Amino acid sequence: MKDKIISQFNVPEEIESFIDKMLLIDEQKLISKMEDKMYSKNDLKQLVSELIDIDSENFIASCYKRCILNKVIEENEVLYVLSDSYQRLGVFAQFEQDIWEGIDGDIRKRVDEWYVNEYAKKSIEKIEKGNDREQSNIENAYFISLEEALDLIDKKESSIYLLPCNCKTMAKNCNKPQNVCVQFETGINSMIDRGWGVKISKDEAKELIRNANKSGLMHSSECESALCNCDACCCYPIRASKILGMEKQWPKKIHEISWNKEKCISCGKCSKICNFGAFTIENKVVSFNNEKCWGCTICKDNCPTNAIKLKF
């Protein structure tokens, strides 16, 4: 059965050693028997009942929540298809962190490197469609300032949900806050539709964003589905953009920083918080290299003398 699962679920070598931790026995039985087609709920329930002595309705709901299954809509009917190990891994690391953290660190590092490369490959087509600031085809399309992030929350009429950051929970390259992902999207195959996330108020969301900013987390968004607060060492869009040679294009740099050397007191806060090494401090003197700046703007909000502003 294991060979069938590896084939059916597109399991790469990097994941094979801990596939039993990602997939329950009953889930493995279902995967091994599913074909490459769409199933109605009734057809899927019939298949489950033939394989497993279990409540098929609840089992299917669980498989969808855990990203073993995905939904598709055909002629206004919700159908089910098999997911794959790439999609399941993201949910596994994000919501089963105790198990993910229990896997050998060297293995996790190799899996993280595989995942970010796969993420980059899967993003090429979306990137080629372009970044329209009003509605982008790709997540984390552009960096936004703290003020813009707060304004985005204010303008949202949809519900707001809090989720752990999938980049940070997977990569674990730093100790910055992880429970910082703000989601608006509730459609099929979203984490919210799968049953994850905690609904929060606008005030709670704005407080979360302010605290993230102070912690050195940058704000990026595509407006429609999410507002992310992440850092350069973990963020998959940033890391993937470097793989693809798309630095400063994804997330897109839309702000230019203006640094007033005369106002600067060389406290070093900007150098500590900058994710790209644009601000540095040496011999107690701060310097700024605009070529390294991605325009994330968090330096501005953490400068005690307002020596950093945005160019307009």
Foldseek 3Di string as FASTA:
>chain_A
DLVLLCVQQVPDPLCSVCVCVLDPPLLSQLSSPDDQDWAALVRQLVVSVVGDPDDSVVVVLLCQLLQQWFWDADPNGIIIGGHHPLVNVLSCLFPVLVSVVVPDPVSLQVVLVVNLQVVLVVCPVQVVVDQDLQAGSDWLQAADALVVVLVLLVPDPAWKWWGFASQCSSNVPDDFGGRQKIWRDCDTSDSVVSPDTDTDHSVVNSVSSVVLLLRLWFWGGRSPTIIDTHACVRDSQNVSCVVVVNQCRRSPADWAKQAQQVQDPLPCPLCVNDRFNQWDADPSHIDGHRVRDSNSHSSQVPGPRNRMDIDD
